[in-house]
């Protein structure tokens, strides 16, 4: 599993300040992009779905960072929770029995092996 760095308290303050939010959020994305991708990939399996989950995670986090009440040490856990909930919602919305995207099917007819 990839390591993420702890976010300093000053960085959390920069995330909450509208004037400095964009730069601080870029640094947050840089720190958490790969770890969140692999977390999502384990849940949804398909590469494109994992990318969608991570993108939606960062959009939701950016929109809601002003409501985040935890400390700097809890920011990573908050991001992972958003990613997990987003992935689970995606999986729930799939129809039962529907295969994941990009599933490859073998259309060849089965043959018996050995002498006929």
PDB file of N, CA and C in Angstrom:
ATOM      1  N   UNK A   1       0.841  -1.171   0.000  1.00  0.00           N
ATOM      2  CA  UNK A   1       0.000   0.000   0.000  1.00  0.00           C
ATOM      3  C   UNK A   1       0.891   1.240   0.000  1.00  0.00           C
ATOM      4  N   UNK A   2       0.503   2.240  -0.746  1.00  0.00           N
ATOM      5  CA  UNK A   2       1.268   3.468  -0.825  1.00  0.00           C
ATOM      6  C   UNK A   2       1.106   4.270   0.455  1.00  0.00           C
ATOM      7  N   UNK A   3       2.153   4.941   0.811  1.00  0.00           N
ATOM      8  CA  UNK A   3       2.116   5.804   1.974  1.00  0.00           C
ATOM      9  C   UNK A   3       1.648   7.196   1.560  1.00  0.00           C
ATOM     10  N   UNK A   4       0.910   7.828   2.421  1.00  0.00           N
ATOM     11  CA  UNK A   4       0.544   9.224   2.211  1.00  0.00           C
ATOM     12  C   UNK A   4       1.195  10.026   3.312  1.00  0.00           C
ATOM     13  N   UNK A   5       1.432  11.259   3.022  1.00  0.00           N
ATOM     14  CA  UNK A   5       2.049  12.091   4.042  1.00  0.00           C
ATOM     15  C   UNK A   5       0.967  12.720   4.900  1.00  0.00           C
ATOM     16  N   UNK A   6       1.318  13.023   6.128  1.00  0.00           N
ATOM     17  CA  UNK A   6       0.385  13.742   6.985  1.00  0.00           C
ATOM     18  C   UNK A   6       0.279  15.170   6.474  1.00  0.00           C
ATOM     19  N   UNK A   7      -0.895  15.731   6.576  1.00  0.00           N
ATOM     20  CA  UNK A   7      -1.125  17.099   6.151  1.00  0.00           C
ATOM     21  C   UNK A   7      -0.885  18.003   7.359  1.00  0.00           C
ATOM     22  N   UNK A   8       0.029  18.964   7.226  1.00  0.00           N
ATOM     23  CA  UNK A   8       0.263  19.879   8.356  1.00  0.00           C
ATOM     24  C   UNK A   8      -0.975  20.732   8.635  1.00  0.00           C
ATOM     25  N   UNK A   9      -1.076  21.224   9.852  1.00  0.00           N
ATOM     26  CA  UNK A   9      -2.217  22.056  10.250  1.00  0.00           C
ATOM     27  C   UNK A   9      -2.305  23.308   9.380  1.00  0.00           C
ATOM     28  N   UNK A  10      -1.149  23.849   8.965  1.00  0.00           N
ATOM     29  CA  UNK A  10      -1.154  25.047   8.110  1.00  0.00           C
ATOM     30  C   UNK A  10      -1.802  24.744   6.756  1.00  0.00           C
ATOM     31  N   UNK A  11      -1.579  23.528   6.269  1.00  0.00           N
ATOM     32  CA  UNK A  11      -2.156  23.128   4.985  1.00  0.00           C
ATOM     33  C   UNK A  11      -3.681  23.005   5.102  1.00  0.00           C
ATOM     34  N   UNK A  12      -4.151  22.506   6.223  1.00  0.00           N
ATOM     35  CA  UNK A  12      -5.582  22.428   6.455  1.00  0.00           C
ATOM     36  C   UNK A  12      -6.186  23.827   6.526  1.00  0.00           C
ATOM     37  N   UNK A  13      -5.494  24.743   7.157  1.00  0.00           N
ATOM     38  CA  UNK A  13      -5.961  26.132   7.196  1.00  0.00           C
ATOM     39  C   UNK A  13      -6.015  26.721   5.798  1.00  0.00           C
ATOM     40  N   UNK A  14      -5.014  26.399   4.972  1.00  0.00           N
ATOM     41  CA  UNK A  14      -5.000  26.892   3.591  1.00  0.00           C
ATOM     42  C   UNK A  14      -6.155  26.295   2.786  1.00  0.00           C
ATOM     43  N   UNK A  15      -6.519  25.050   3.061  1.00  0.00           N
ATOM     44  CA  UNK A  15      -7.655  24.424   2.388  1.00  0.00           C
ATOM     45  C   UNK A  15      -8.973  25.095   2.751  1.00  0.00           C
ATOM     46  N   UNK A  16      -9.071  25.568   3.962  1.00  0.00           N
ATOM     47  CA  UNK A  16     -10.314  26.210   4.422  1.00  0.00           C
ATOM     48  C   UNK A  16     -10.422  27.667   3.983  1.00  0.00           C
ATOM     49  N   UNK A  17      -9.319  28.277   3.610  1.00  0.00           N
ATOM     50  CA  UNK A  17      -9.305  29.677   3.192  1.00  0.00           C
ATOM     51  C   UNK A  17      -9.561  29.759   1.691  1.00  0.00           C
ATOM     52  N   UNK A  18     -10.647  30.415   1.267  1.00  0.00           N
ATOM     53  CA  UNK A  18     -10.955  30.491  -0.170  1.00  0.00           C
ATOM     54  C   UNK A  18      -9.832  31.100  -1.014  1.00  0.00           C
ATOM     55  N   UNK A  19      -9.032  31.976  -0.441  1.00  0.00           N
ATOM     56  CA  UNK A  19      -7.958  32.629  -1.200  1.00  0.00           C
ATOM     57  C   UNK A  19      -6.799  31.680  -1.487  1.00  0.00           C
ATOM     58  N   UNK A  20      -6.595  30.693  -0.638  1.00  0.00           N
ATOM     59  CA  UNK A  20      -5.458  29.778  -0.804  1.00  0.00           C
ATOM     60  C   UNK A  20      -5.889  28.343  -1.083  1.00  0.00           C
ATOM     61  N   UNK A  21      -7.185  28.122  -1.195  1.00  0.00           N
ATOM     62  CA  UNK A  21      -7.729  26.765  -1.328  1.00  0.00           C
ATOM     63  C   UNK A  21      -7.197  26.031  -2.552  1.00  0.00           C
ATOM     64  N   UNK A  22      -7.151  26.697  -3.696  1.00  0.00           N
ATOM     65  CA  UNK A  22      -6.790  26.003  -4.943  1.00  0.00           C
ATOM     66  C   UNK A  22      -5.388  25.396  -4.886  1.00  0.00           C
ATOM     67  N   UNK A  23      -4.404  26.170  -4.471  1.00  0.00           N
ATOM     68  CA  UNK A  23      -3.034  25.656  -4.377  1.00  0.00           C
ATOM     69  C   UNK A  23      -2.901  24.552  -3.353  1.00  0.00           C
ATOM     70  N   UNK A  24      -3.560  24.728  -2.204  1.00  0.00           N
ATOM     71  CA  UNK A  24      -3.512  23.712  -1.153  1.00  0.00           C
ATOM     72  C   UNK A  24      -4.195  22.436  -1.630  1.00  0.00           C
ATOM     73  N   UNK A  25      -5.291  22.582  -2.381  1.00  0.00           N
ATOM     74  CA  UNK A  25      -5.990  21.402  -2.866  1.00  0.00           C
ATOM     75  C   UNK A  25      -5.153  20.668  -3.916  1.00  0.00           C
ATOM     76  N   UNK A  26      -4.438  21.404  -4.746  1.00  0.00           N
ATOM     77  CA  UNK A  26      -3.532  20.768  -5.715  1.00  0.00           C
ATOM     78  C   UNK A  26      -2.498  19.910  -4.994  1.00  0.00           C
ATOM     79  N   UNK A  27      -1.972  20.413  -3.893  1.00  0.00           N
ATOM     80  CA  UNK A  27      -0.996  19.635  -3.121  1.00  0.00           C
ATOM     81  C   UNK A  27      -1.651  18.415  -2.477  1.00  0.00           C
ATOM     82  N   UNK A  28      -2.888  18.573  -2.024  1.00  0.00           N
ATOM     83  CA  UNK A  28      -3.622  17.447  -1.446  1.00  0.00           C
ATOM     84  C   UNK A  28      -3.844  16.359  -2.489  1.00  0.00           C
ATOM     85  N   UNK A  29      -4.248  16.753  -3.687  1.00  0.00           N
ATOM     86  CA  UNK A  29      -4.436  15.785  -4.775  1.00  0.00           C
ATOM     87  C   UNK A  29      -3.116  15.070  -5.058  1.00  0.00           C
ATOM     88  N   UNK A  30      -2.020  15.809  -5.109  1.00  0.00           N
ATOM     89  CA  UNK A  30      -0.713  15.207  -5.351  1.00  0.00           C
ATOM     90  C   UNK A  30      -0.351  14.165  -4.299  1.00  0.00           C
ATOM     91  N   UNK A  31      -0.739  14.415  -3.066  1.00  0.00           N
ATOM     92  CA  UNK A  31      -0.407  13.489  -1.981  1.00  0.00           C
ATOM     93  C   UNK A  31      -1.312  12.255  -1.967  1.00  0.00           C
ATOM     94  N   UNK A  32      -2.552  12.387  -2.398  1.00  0.00           N
ATOM     95  CA  UNK A  32      -3.516  11.302  -2.236  1.00  0.00           C
ATOM     96  C   UNK A  32      -4.008  10.653  -3.524  1.00  0.00           C
ATOM     97  N   UNK A  33      -3.619  11.150  -4.678  1.00  0.00           N
ATOM     98  CA  UNK A  33      -4.147  10.612  -5.933  1.00  0.00           C
ATOM     99  C   UNK A  33      -3.884   9.119  -6.084  1.00  0.00           C
ATOM    100  N   UNK A  34      -2.633   8.714  -6.019  1.00  0.00           N
ATOM    101  CA  UNK A  34      -2.300   7.285  -6.205  1.00  0.00           C
ATOM    102  C   UNK A  34      -2.861   6.390  -5.102  1.00  0.00           C
ATOM    103  N   UNK A  35      -2.715   6.744  -3.829  1.00  0.00           N
ATOM    104  CA  UNK A  35      -3.277   5.867  -2.798  1.00  0.00           C
ATOM    105  C   UNK A  35      -4.792   5.713  -2.907  1.00  0.00           C
ATOM    106  N   UNK A  36      -5.500   6.802  -3.218  1.00  0.00           N
ATOM    107  CA  UNK A  36      -6.952   6.696  -3.367  1.00  0.00           C
ATOM    108  C   UNK A  36      -7.327   5.896  -4.604  1.00  0.00           C
ATOM    109  N   UNK A  37      -6.533   6.033  -5.676  1.00  0.00           N
ATOM    110  CA  UNK A  37      -6.806   5.245  -6.878  1.00  0.00           C
ATOM    111  C   UNK A  37      -6.737   3.755  -6.549  1.00  0.00           C
ATOM    112  N   UNK A  38      -5.676   3.323  -5.879  1.00  0.00           N
ATOM    113  CA  UNK A  38      -5.515   1.892  -5.587  1.00  0.00           C
ATOM    114  C   UNK A  38      -6.547   1.410  -4.587  1.00  0.00           C
ATOM    115  N   UNK A  39      -6.952   2.268  -3.679  1.00  0.00           N
ATOM    116  CA  UNK A  39      -8.036   1.914  -2.759  1.00  0.00           C
ATOM    117  C   UNK A  39      -9.317   1.679  -3.556  1.00  0.00           C
ATOM    118  N   UNK A  40      -9.645   2.599  -4.442  1.00  0.00           N
ATOM    119  CA  UNK A  40     -10.852   2.468  -5.267  1.00  0.00           C
ATOM    120  C   UNK A  40     -10.749   1.268  -6.199  1.00  0.00           C
ATOM    121  N   UNK A  41      -9.580   1.034  -6.738  1.00  0.00           N
ATOM    122  CA  UNK A  41      -9.387  -0.074  -7.684  1.00  0.00           C
ATOM    123  C   UNK A  41      -9.652  -1.418  -7.012  1.00  0.00           C
ATOM    124  N   UNK A  42      -9.263  -1.542  -5.761  1.00  0.00           N
ATOM    125  CA  UNK A  42      -9.547  -2.785  -5.027  1.00  0.00           C
ATOM    126  C   UNK A  42     -11.053  -2.980  -4.827  1.00  0.00           C
ATOM    127  N   UNK A  43     -11.774  -1.893  -4.747  1.00  0.00           N
ATOM    128  CA  UNK A  43     -13.217  -1.997  -4.518  1.00  0.00           C
ATOM    129  C   UNK A  43     -14.009  -2.219  -5.803  1.00  0.00           C
ATOM    130  N   UNK A  44     -13.687  -1.475  -6.857  1.00  0.00           N
ATOM    131  CA  UNK A  44     -14.501  -1.546  -8.082  1.00  0.00           C
ATOM    132  C   UNK A  44     -13.854  -2.378  -9.181  1.00  0.00           C
ATOM    133  N   UNK A  45     -12.589  -2.717  -9.030  1.00  0.00           N
ATOM    134  CA  UNK A  45     -11.815  -3.606  -9.897  1.00  0.00           C
ATOM    135  C   UNK A  45     -11.415  -2.974 -11.237  1.00  0.00           C
ATOM    136  N   UNK A  46     -12.327  -2.359 -11.945  1.00  0.00           N
ATOM    137  CA  UNK A  46     -12.058  -1.855 -13.294  1.00  0.00           C
ATOM    138  C   UNK A  46     -11.349  -0.500 -13.217  1.00  0.00           C
ATOM    139  N   UNK A  47     -10.287  -0.351 -14.020  1.00  0.00           N
ATOM    140  CA  UNK A  47      -9.473   0.867 -14.039  1.00  0.00           C
ATOM    141  C   UNK A  47     -10.311   2.131 -14.225  1.00  0.00           C
ATOM    142  N   UNK A  48     -11.173   2.137 -15.239  1.00  0.00           N
ATOM    143  CA  UNK A  48     -11.959   3.335 -15.542  1.00  0.00           C
ATOM    144  C   UNK A  48     -12.916   3.680 -14.399  1.00  0.00           C
ATOM    145  N   UNK A  49     -13.478   2.667 -13.773  1.00  0.00           N
ATOM    146  CA  UNK A  49     -14.363   2.906 -12.631  1.00  0.00           C
ATOM    147  C   UNK A  49     -13.578   3.504 -11.464  1.00  0.00           C
ATOM    148  N   UNK A  50     -12.381   3.007 -11.229  1.00  0.00           N
ATOM    149  CA  UNK A  50     -11.542   3.543 -10.155  1.00  0.00           C
ATOM    150  C   UNK A  50     -11.188   5.002 -10.427  1.00  0.00           C
ATOM    151  N   UNK A  51     -10.884   5.333 -11.672  1.00  0.00           N
ATOM    152  CA  UNK A  51     -10.612   6.733 -12.020  1.00  0.00           C
ATOM    153  C   UNK A  51     -11.832   7.600 -11.754  1.00  0.00           C
ATOM    154  N   UNK A  52     -13.016   7.102 -12.115  1.00  0.00           N
ATOM    155  CA  UNK A  52     -14.255   7.851 -11.864  1.00  0.00           C
ATOM    156  C   UNK A  52     -14.475   8.066 -10.373  1.00  0.00           C
ATOM    157  N   UNK A  53     -14.213   7.046  -9.586  1.00  0.00           N
ATOM    158  CA  UNK A  53     -14.388   7.144  -8.137  1.00  0.00           C
ATOM    159  C   UNK A  53     -13.445   8.209  -7.571  1.00  0.00           C
ATOM    160  N   UNK A  54     -12.189   8.186  -7.977  1.00  0.00           N
ATOM    161  CA  UNK A  54     -11.221   9.150  -7.456  1.00  0.00           C
ATOM    162  C   UNK A  54     -11.594  10.569  -7.877  1.00  0.00           C
ATOM    163  N   UNK A  55     -11.986  10.738  -9.125  1.00  0.00           N
ATOM    164  CA  UNK A  55     -12.391  12.060  -9.586  1.00  0.00           C
ATOM    165  C   UNK A  55     -13.567  12.588  -8.773  1.00  0.00           C
ATOM    166  N   UNK A  56     -14.566  11.747  -8.584  1.00  0.00           N
ATOM    167  CA  UNK A  56     -15.737  12.151  -7.800  1.00  0.00           C
ATOM    168  C   UNK A  56     -15.358  12.414  -6.349  1.00  0.00           C
ATOM    169  N   UNK A  57     -14.428  11.647  -5.806  1.00  0.00           N
ATOM    170  CA  UNK A  57     -13.956  11.858  -4.434  1.00  0.00           C
ATOM    171  C   UNK A  57     -13.366  13.249  -4.276  1.00  0.00           C
ATOM    172  N   UNK A  58     -12.489  13.630  -5.202  1.00  0.00           N
ATOM    173  CA  UNK A  58     -11.858  14.945  -5.096  1.00  0.00           C
ATOM    174  C   UNK A  58     -12.855  16.073  -5.336  1.00  0.00           C
ATOM    175  N   UNK A  59     -13.806  15.876  -6.222  1.00  0.00           N
ATOM    176  CA  UNK A  59     -14.842  16.899  -6.444  1.00  0.00           C
ATOM    177  C   UNK A  59     -15.652  17.098  -5.168  1.00  0.00           C
ATOM    178  N   UNK A  60     -16.074  16.004  -4.558  1.00  0.00           N
ATOM    179  CA  UNK A  60     -16.861  16.098  -3.320  1.00  0.00           C
ATOM    180  C   UNK A  60     -16.046  16.719  -2.193  1.00  0.00           C
ATOM    181  N   UNK A  61     -14.784  16.323  -2.087  1.00  0.00           N
ATOM    182  CA  UNK A  61     -13.936  16.878  -1.036  1.00  0.00           C
ATOM    183  C   UNK A  61     -13.747  18.380  -1.237  1.00  0.00           C
ATOM    184  N   UNK A  62     -13.523  18.806  -2.464  1.00  0.00           N
ATOM    185  CA  UNK A  62     -13.339  20.234  -2.737  1.00  0.00           C
ATOM    186  C   UNK A  62     -14.602  21.011  -2.384  1.00  0.00           C
ATOM    187  N   UNK A  63     -15.748  20.461  -2.764  1.00  0.00           N
ATOM    188  CA  UNK A  63     -17.017  21.140  -2.486  1.00  0.00           C
ATOM    189  C   UNK A  63     -17.326  21.203  -0.990  1.00  0.00           C
ATOM    190  N   UNK A  64     -16.886  20.214  -0.237  1.00  0.00           N
ATOM    191  CA  UNK A  64     -17.261  20.109   1.175  1.00  0.00           C
ATOM    192  C   UNK A  64     -16.136  20.400   2.163  1.00  0.00           C
ATOM    193  N   UNK A  65     -14.983  20.841   1.681  1.00  0.00           N
ATOM    194  CA  UNK A  65     -13.854  21.054   2.589  1.00  0.00           C
ATOM    195  C   UNK A  65     -14.183  22.080   3.668  1.00  0.00           C
ATOM    196  N   UNK A  66     -15.060  23.012   3.358  1.00  0.00           N
ATOM    197  CA  UNK A  66     -15.459  24.007   4.355  1.00  0.00           C
ATOM    198  C   UNK A  66     -16.263  23.420   5.504  1.00  0.00           C
ATOM    199  N   UNK A  67     -16.868  22.264   5.295  1.00  0.00           N
ATOM    200  CA  UNK A  67     -17.657  21.619   6.347  1.00  0.00           C
ATOM    201  C   UNK A  67     -16.849  20.575   7.126  1.00  0.00           C
ATOM    202  N   UNK A  68     -15.624  20.297   6.677  1.00  0.00           N
ATOM    203  CA  UNK A  68     -14.785  19.311   7.363  1.00  0.00           C
ATOM    204  C   UNK A  68     -14.405  19.848   8.739  1.00  0.00           C
ATOM    205  N   UNK A  69     -14.721  19.104   9.777  1.00  0.00           N
ATOM    206  CA  UNK A  69     -14.497  19.564  11.152  1.00  0.00           C
ATOM    207  C   UNK A  69     -13.368  18.832  11.865  1.00  0.00           C
ATOM    208  N   UNK A  70     -12.733  17.905  11.189  1.00  0.00           N
ATOM    209  CA  UNK A  70     -11.655  17.155  11.815  1.00  0.00           C
ATOM    210  C   UNK A  70     -10.351  17.926  11.806  1.00  0.00           C
ATOM    211  N   UNK A  71      -9.346  17.311  12.376  1.00  0.00           N
ATOM    212  CA  UNK A  71      -8.019  17.897  12.383  1.00  0.00           C
ATOM    213  C   UNK A  71      -7.230  17.450  11.160  1.00  0.00           C
ATOM    214  N   UNK A  72      -6.022  17.973  11.033  1.00  0.00           N
ATOM    215  CA  UNK A  72      -5.174  17.659   9.887  1.00  0.00           C
ATOM    216  C   UNK A  72      -4.898  16.162   9.793  1.00  0.00           C
ATOM    217  N   UNK A  73      -4.758  15.485  10.918  1.00  0.00           N
ATOM    218  CA  UNK A  73      -4.488  14.052  10.918  1.00  0.00           C
ATOM    219  C   UNK A  73      -5.668  13.209  10.469  1.00  0.00           C
ATOM    220  N   UNK A  74      -6.855  13.782  10.442  1.00  0.00           N
ATOM    221  CA  UNK A  74      -8.057  13.039  10.054  1.00  0.00           C
ATOM    222  C   UNK A  74      -8.466  13.284   8.604  1.00  0.00           C
ATOM    223  N   UNK A  75      -7.780  14.152   7.927  1.00  0.00           N
ATOM    224  CA  UNK A  75      -8.143  14.491   6.556  1.00  0.00           C
ATOM    225  C   UNK A  75      -8.015  13.292   5.620  1.00  0.00           C
ATOM    226  N   UNK A  76      -6.967  12.528   5.764  1.00  0.00           N
ATOM    227  CA  UNK A  76      -6.779  11.331   4.936  1.00  0.00           C
ATOM    228  C   UNK A  76      -7.894  10.324   5.145  1.00  0.00           C
ATOM    229  N   UNK A  77      -8.274  10.098   6.391  1.00  0.00           N
ATOM    230  CA  UNK A  77      -9.365   9.168   6.684  1.00  0.00           C
ATOM    231  C   UNK A  77     -10.673   9.667   6.074  1.00  0.00           C
ATOM    232  N   UNK A  78     -10.883  10.974   6.096  1.00  0.00           N
ATOM    233  CA  UNK A  78     -12.083  11.564   5.497  1.00  0.00           C
ATOM    234  C   UNK A  78     -12.111  11.310   3.992  1.00  0.00           C
ATOM    235  N   UNK A  79     -10.961  11.504   3.323  1.00  0.00           N
ATOM    236  CA  UNK A  79     -10.883  11.252   1.885  1.00  0.00           C
ATOM    237  C   UNK A  79     -11.142   9.778   1.567  1.00  0.00           C
ATOM    238  N   UNK A  80     -10.574   8.882   2.347  1.00  0.00           N
ATOM    239  CA  UNK A  80     -10.804   7.450   2.126  1.00  0.00           C
ATOM    240  C   UNK A  80     -12.271   7.094   2.334  1.00  0.00           C
ATOM    241  N   UNK A  81     -12.927   7.721   3.298  1.00  0.00           N
ATOM    242  CA  UNK A  81     -14.348   7.452   3.537  1.00  0.00           C
ATOM    243  C   UNK A  81     -15.178   7.932   2.352  1.00  0.00           C
ATOM    244  N   UNK A  82     -14.859   9.111   1.819  1.00  0.00           N
ATOM    245  CA  UNK A  82     -15.574   9.607   0.642  1.00  0.00           C
ATOM    246  C   UNK A  82     -15.369   8.639  -0.525  1.00  0.00           C
ATOM    247  N   UNK A  83     -14.144   8.192  -0.735  1.00  0.00           N
ATOM    248  CA  UNK A  83     -13.847   7.266  -1.838  1.00  0.00           C
ATOM    249  C   UNK A  83     -14.589   5.941  -1.654  1.00  0.00           C
ATOM    250  N   UNK A  84     -14.601   5.430  -0.449  1.00  0.00           N
ATOM    251  CA  UNK A  84     -15.299   4.175  -0.180  1.00  0.00           C
ATOM    252  C   UNK A  84     -16.790   4.315  -0.446  1.00  0.00           C
ATOM    253  N   UNK A  85     -17.390   5.377   0.063  1.00  0.00           N
ATOM    254  CA  UNK A  85     -18.825   5.586  -0.158  1.00  0.00           C
ATOM    255  C   UNK A  85     -19.142   5.766  -1.637  1.00  0.00           C
ATOM    256  N   UNK A  86     -18.296   6.471  -2.360  1.00  0.00           N
ATOM    257  CA  UNK A  86     -18.501   6.676  -3.789  1.00  0.00           C
ATOM    258  C   UNK A  86     -18.414   5.348  -4.534  1.00  0.00           C
ATOM    259  N   UNK A  87     -17.434   4.526  -4.194  1.00  0.00           N
ATOM    260  CA  UNK A  87     -17.284   3.218  -4.840  1.00  0.00           C
ATOM    261  C   UNK A  87     -18.472   2.312  -4.536  1.00  0.00           C
ATOM    262  N   UNK A  88     -18.914   2.296  -3.293  1.00  0.00           N
ATOM    263  CA  UNK A  88     -20.051   1.451  -2.924  1.00  0.00           C
ATOM    264  C   UNK A  88     -21.331   1.904  -3.629  1.00  0.00           C
ATOM    265  N   UNK A  89     -21.511   3.200  -3.761  1.00  0.00           N
ATOM    266  CA  UNK A  89     -22.667   3.715  -4.497  1.00  0.00           C
ATOM    267  C   UNK A  89     -22.610   3.274  -5.953  1.00  0.00           C
ATOM    268  N   UNK A  90     -21.435   3.343  -6.551  1.00  0.00           N
ATOM    269  CA  UNK A  90     -21.273   2.907  -7.939  1.00  0.00           C
ATOM    270  C   UNK A  90     -21.617   1.426  -8.078  1.00  0.00           C
ATOM    271  N   UNK A  91     -21.138   0.615  -7.158  1.00  0.00           N
ATOM    272  CA  UNK A  91     -21.406  -0.818  -7.223  1.00  0.00           C
ATOM    273  C   UNK A  91     -22.889  -1.126  -7.003  1.00  0.00           C
ATOM    274  N   UNK A  92     -23.536  -0.395  -6.110  1.00  0.00           N
ATOM    275  CA  UNK A  92     -24.962  -0.606  -5.852  1.00  0.00           C
ATOM    276  C   UNK A  92     -25.823  -0.243  -7.054  1.00  0.00           C
ATOM    277  N   UNK A  93     -25.392   0.744  -7.804  1.00  0.00           N
ATOM    278  CA  UNK A  93     -26.178   1.207  -8.947  1.00  0.00           C
ATOM    279  C   UNK A  93     -26.100   0.270 -10.145  1.00  0.00           C
ATOM    280  N   UNK A  94     -25.118  -0.596 -10.143  1.00  0.00           N
ATOM    281  CA  UNK A  94     -25.057  -1.594 -11.215  1.00  0.00           C
ATOM    282  C   UNK A  94     -26.213  -2.549 -11.051  1.00  0.00           C
ATOM    283  N   UNK A  95     -26.790  -2.922 -12.150  1.00  0.00           N
ATOM    284  CA  UNK A  95     -27.880  -3.890 -12.077  1.00  0.00           C
ATOM    285  C   UNK A  95     -27.327  -5.248 -11.647  1.00  0.00           C
ATOM    286  N   UNK A  96     -28.096  -5.992 -10.870  1.00  0.00           N
ATOM    287  CA  UNK A  96     -27.634  -7.329 -10.461  1.00  0.00           C
ATOM    288  C   UNK A  96     -27.356  -8.191 -11.684  1.00  0.00           C
ATOM    289  N   UNK A  97     -26.278  -8.909 -11.645  1.00  0.00           N
ATOM    290  CA  UNK A  97     -25.915  -9.790 -12.747  1.00  0.00           C
ATOM    291  C   UNK A  97     -25.216  -9.080 -13.883  1.00  0.00           C
ATOM    292  N   UNK A  98     -25.112  -7.757 -13.804  1.00  0.00           N
ATOM    293  CA  UNK A  98     -24.452  -6.996 -14.859  1.00  0.00           C
ATOM    294  C   UNK A  98     -22.940  -7.069 -14.634  1.00  0.00           C
ATOM    295  N   UNK A  99     -22.191  -7.482 -15.649  1.00  0.00           N
ATOM    296  CA  UNK A  99     -20.739  -7.590 -15.470  1.00  0.00           C
ATOM    297  C   UNK A  99     -20.102  -6.209 -15.407  1.00  0.00           C
ATOM    298  N   UNK A 100     -18.900  -6.127 -14.855  1.00  0.00           N
ATOM    299  CA  UNK A 100     -18.194  -4.855 -14.839  1.00  0.00           C
ATOM    300  C   UNK A 100     -17.923  -4.369 -16.262  1.00  0.00           C
ATOM    301  N   UNK A 101     -17.695  -3.075 -16.390  1.00  0.00           N
ATOM    302  CA  UNK A 101     -17.367  -2.536 -17.705  1.00  0.00           C
ATOM    303  C   UNK A 101     -16.117  -3.216 -18.248  1.00  0.00           C
ATOM    304  N   UNK A 102     -16.033  -3.255 -19.564  1.00  0.00           N
ATOM    305  CA  UNK A 102     -14.857  -3.772 -20.274  1.00  0.00           C
ATOM    306  C   UNK A 102     -14.627  -5.266 -20.055  1.00  0.00           C
ATOM    307  N   UNK A 103     -15.673  -6.004 -19.739  1.00  0.00           N
ATOM    308  CA  UNK A 103     -15.543  -7.444 -19.593  1.00  0.00           C
ATOM    309  C   UNK A 103     -15.384  -8.060 -20.979  1.00  0.00           C
ATOM    310  N   UNK A 104     -14.424  -8.945 -21.119  1.00  0.00           N
ATOM    311  CA  UNK A 104     -14.176  -9.597 -22.395  1.00  0.00           C
ATOM    312  C   UNK A 104     -14.811 -10.981 -22.347  1.00  0.00           C
ATOM    313  N   UNK A 105     -15.622 -11.265 -23.360  1.00  0.00           N
ATOM    314  CA  UNK A 105     -16.283 -12.551 -23.440  1.00  0.00           C
ATOM    315  C   UNK A 105     -15.653 -13.378 -24.539  1.00  0.00           C
ATOM    316  N   UNK A 106     -15.609 -14.651 -24.331  1.00  0.00           N
ATOM    317  CA  UNK A 106     -15.145 -15.574 -25.363  1.00  0.00           C
ATOM    318  C   UNK A 106     -16.381 -16.115 -26.060  1.00  0.00           C
ATOM    319  N   UNK A 107     -16.501 -15.841 -27.346  1.00  0.00           N
ATOM    320  CA  UNK A 107     -17.686 -16.252 -28.086  1.00  0.00           C
ATOM    321  C   UNK A 107     -17.492 -17.575 -28.816  1.00  0.00           C
ATOM    322  N   UNK A 108     -16.341 -18.186 -28.675  1.00  0.00           N
ATOM    323  CA  UNK A 108     -16.087 -19.453 -29.324  1.00  0.00           C
ATOM    324  C   UNK A 108     -16.917 -20.549 -28.657  1.00  0.00           C
ATOM    325  N   UNK A 109     -17.285 -21.539 -29.432  1.00  0.00           N
ATOM    326  CA  UNK A 109     -18.042 -22.668 -28.874  1.00  0.00           C
ATOM    327  C   UNK A 109     -17.066 -23.598 -28.172  1.00  0.00           C
ATOM    328  N   UNK A 110     -17.477 -24.160 -27.072  1.00  0.00           N
ATOM    329  CA  UNK A 110     -16.569 -25.062 -26.343  1.00  0.00           C
ATOM    330  C   UNK A 110     -16.323 -26.337 -27.148  1.00  0.00           C
ATOM    331  N   UNK A 111     -15.099 -26.812 -27.100  1.00  0.00           N
ATOM    332  CA  UNK A 111     -14.751 -28.058 -27.765  1.00  0.00           C
ATOM    333  C   UNK A 111     -14.315 -29.066 -26.720  1.00  0.00           C
ATOM    334  N   UNK A 112     -14.565 -30.293 -26.994  1.00  0.00           N
ATOM    335  CA  UNK A 112     -14.094 -31.331 -26.085  1.00  0.00           C
ATOM    336  C   UNK A 112     -12.619 -31.594 -26.364  1.00  0.00           C
ATOM    337  N   UNK A 113     -11.915 -31.926 -25.359  1.00  0.00           N
ATOM    338  CA  UNK A 113     -10.491 -32.195 -25.498  1.00  0.00           C
ATOM    339  C   UNK A 113     -10.306 -33.706 -25.510  1.00  0.00           C
ATOM    340  N   UNK A 114      -9.439 -34.169 -26.353  1.00  0.00           N
ATOM    341  CA  UNK A 114      -9.155 -35.594 -26.400  1.00  0.00           C
ATOM    342  C   UNK A 114      -9.835 -36.269 -27.573  1.00  0.00           C
ATOM    343  N   UNK A 115      -9.687 -37.587 -27.655  1.00  0.00           N
ATOM    344  CA  UNK A 115     -10.268 -38.309 -28.788  1.00  0.00           C
ATOM    345  C   UNK A 115     -11.785 -38.279 -28.740  1.00  0.00           C
ATOM    346  N   UNK A 116     -12.364 -38.231 -29.923  1.00  0.00           N
ATOM    347  CA  UNK A 116     -13.828 -38.182 -30.052  1.00  0.00           C
ATOM    348  C   UNK A 116     -14.407 -39.560 -30.164  1.00  0.00           C
TER     349      UNK A 116
END
